[in-house]
Protein backbone atom coordinates (compact mmCIF):
# COMPACT_ATOMS: atom_id res chain seq x y z
CA MET A 1 150.23 129.88 -57.99
CA THR A 2 148.70 126.77 -59.53
CA THR A 3 150.76 123.66 -58.94
CA SER A 4 152.16 121.84 -61.93
CA LYS A 5 151.00 118.26 -62.52
CA ALA A 6 153.84 115.79 -63.01
CA ARG A 7 153.53 112.24 -64.31
CA LEU A 8 155.92 109.40 -63.41
CA ARG A 9 157.11 108.18 -66.83
CA HIS A 10 160.76 107.14 -66.43
CA ILE A 11 162.87 104.94 -64.15
CA ALA A 12 166.60 104.29 -64.59
CA ILE A 13 167.99 101.04 -63.19
CA SER A 14 171.63 99.96 -62.96
CA VAL A 15 171.91 96.30 -64.01
CA SER A 16 174.82 93.88 -64.27
CA ASP A 17 173.64 92.23 -67.52
CA VAL A 18 171.51 94.32 -69.90
CA ALA A 19 170.59 91.47 -72.27
CA ALA A 20 169.52 89.13 -69.45
CA THR A 21 167.53 91.89 -67.73
CA GLN A 22 165.91 92.89 -71.03
CA LYS A 23 164.87 89.27 -71.61
CA PHE A 24 163.44 89.09 -68.07
CA PHE A 25 161.42 92.32 -68.55
CA GLU A 26 160.08 90.97 -71.87
CA GLU A 27 159.13 87.57 -70.48
CA ALA A 28 158.00 88.55 -66.97
CA PHE A 29 156.21 91.82 -67.76
CA GLY A 30 155.53 91.73 -71.51
CA MET A 31 157.58 94.90 -72.03
CA THR A 32 159.20 95.74 -75.37
CA LYS A 33 162.41 97.46 -76.33
CA ALA A 34 161.79 101.15 -77.14
CA GLY A 35 165.36 101.91 -78.22
CA ASP A 36 169.02 101.87 -77.35
CA ALA A 37 170.47 103.86 -74.45
CA GLY A 38 174.12 104.85 -74.27
CA ARG A 39 174.99 101.97 -71.99
CA GLY A 40 171.89 99.81 -72.29
CA VAL A 41 168.31 99.80 -73.56
CA TYR A 42 165.01 101.56 -73.03
CA MET A 43 162.08 99.27 -72.30
CA THR A 44 158.39 100.24 -72.35
CA ASP A 45 155.01 98.92 -71.34
CA GLY A 46 153.39 101.50 -73.61
CA THR A 47 153.13 104.10 -70.85
CA ILE A 48 156.43 104.28 -68.96
CA ASN A 49 160.09 104.18 -70.03
CA ILE A 50 162.54 102.05 -68.04
CA ALA A 51 166.24 102.45 -68.81
CA LEU A 52 168.29 99.30 -68.13
CA LEU A 53 171.88 100.56 -67.83
CA ASP A 54 175.20 98.75 -67.27
CA TYR A 55 177.82 100.95 -65.61
CA LYS A 56 180.33 98.06 -65.56
CA GLY A 57 180.99 98.70 -61.87
CA GLY A 58 181.96 102.33 -62.51
CA ARG A 59 180.84 105.53 -60.87
CA ILE A 60 177.26 106.64 -61.52
CA ALA A 61 176.79 110.40 -61.91
CA ASP A 62 174.92 112.08 -59.03
CA MET A 63 175.25 109.01 -56.78
CA ASP A 64 177.74 108.37 -54.01
CA ASN A 65 178.87 104.95 -55.11
CA ASP A 66 182.47 103.76 -54.96
CA LYS A 67 181.67 100.09 -55.57
CA PRO A 68 179.46 98.29 -58.10
CA TYR A 69 175.80 99.20 -57.70
CA VAL A 70 172.72 97.40 -59.01
CA GLY A 71 169.34 99.02 -58.41
CA THR A 72 167.31 102.17 -58.97
CA ILE A 73 169.36 105.20 -60.01
CA HIS A 74 166.64 107.85 -60.43
CA PHE A 75 163.06 108.41 -61.56
CA GLY A 76 161.70 110.91 -64.06
CA MET A 77 158.60 113.11 -64.04
CA TRP A 78 157.02 114.37 -67.28
CA VAL A 79 155.77 117.91 -66.65
CA ASP A 80 153.67 120.41 -68.59
CA ASP A 81 155.79 123.48 -67.84
CA LEU A 82 159.46 122.87 -67.00
CA GLU A 83 160.07 126.31 -65.49
CA GLN A 84 157.03 126.07 -63.22
CA ALA A 85 157.92 122.50 -62.21
CA GLU A 86 161.50 123.54 -61.37
CA THR A 87 160.24 126.45 -59.27
CA GLN A 88 157.80 124.15 -57.48
CA ALA A 89 160.44 121.46 -56.85
CA THR A 90 163.07 123.89 -55.52
CA ALA A 91 160.48 125.59 -53.30
CA ALA A 92 159.79 122.13 -51.83
CA GLY A 93 163.51 121.69 -51.08
CA ALA A 94 164.98 120.12 -54.23
CA VAL A 95 168.48 121.08 -55.35
CA TYR A 96 169.35 121.48 -59.05
CA LEU A 97 172.14 119.13 -60.18
CA ARG A 98 172.54 119.48 -63.95
CA GLY A 99 170.96 119.46 -67.40
CA ARG A 100 169.00 121.91 -69.50
CA PRO A 101 167.14 121.46 -72.78
CA THR A 102 168.70 123.16 -75.79
CA ALA A 103 167.18 124.54 -78.99
CA ALA A 104 168.09 121.23 -80.70
CA THR A 105 166.55 119.11 -77.91
CA LYS A 106 163.14 117.70 -78.77
CA SER A 107 162.82 114.88 -76.21
CA ASN A 108 164.81 112.63 -73.90
CA TYR A 109 166.49 115.53 -72.09
CA GLU A 110 166.56 115.39 -68.34
CA VAL A 111 166.95 118.22 -65.85
CA LYS A 112 168.30 116.51 -62.73
CA PHE A 113 167.56 117.39 -59.12
CA ARG A 114 168.12 115.85 -55.69
CA ASP A 115 165.29 115.87 -53.16
CA PRO A 116 165.91 116.80 -49.50
CA THR A 117 166.46 113.13 -48.60
CA GLY A 118 169.05 112.56 -51.36
CA ILE A 119 166.88 110.87 -54.01
CA VAL A 120 167.75 111.93 -57.57
CA PHE A 121 164.93 112.71 -60.01
CA ASP A 122 164.52 114.18 -63.49
CA LEU A 123 162.06 116.72 -64.82
CA SER A 124 161.28 116.70 -68.54
CA ALA A 125 158.72 118.49 -70.65
CA GLY A 126 159.66 116.30 -73.64
CA GLY A 127 159.34 112.82 -72.18
CA TRP A 128 161.16 109.56 -72.92
CA LYS A 129 161.12 106.94 -75.70
CA GLY A 130 158.23 104.54 -75.25
CA ALA A 131 156.48 106.69 -72.64
CA VAL A 132 153.20 108.54 -73.13
CA LYS A 133 152.32 111.68 -71.23
CA GLU A 134 148.60 111.24 -70.69
CA VAL A 135 146.97 107.99 -69.66
CA LYS A 136 143.28 107.37 -69.07
CA PRO A 137 142.88 106.45 -65.39
CA ALA A 138 141.25 103.15 -64.48
CA ASP A 139 137.61 103.37 -63.41
């Protein structure tokens, strides 16, 4: 079996102040807002999507947190073939958590998994707002 190539194109971060963090990402890294997220915003550098999310101290799905958490929640990999990538990930020890694309889903869906060490990651064949699948490598 040929292995599926995955590209890191999404990171979700829990923040305590979305507007202040957005301003920091704009000023410090030159990133721009790609769109609104349910509880925050999507930022982009033109290649990768970073979700800045405010959980207001509440529970974060798929994480064992019972107190306010600020930091990385999960990362997302853009894949060519979702079924092949899922098979490859589970064969390597990942456990399916939730999510499936539907007929109406065009992009921004996430199929969530947990790796053998407990790190949560997404697989998507549709990508994320502000992210691009293919990037020309540096020389």
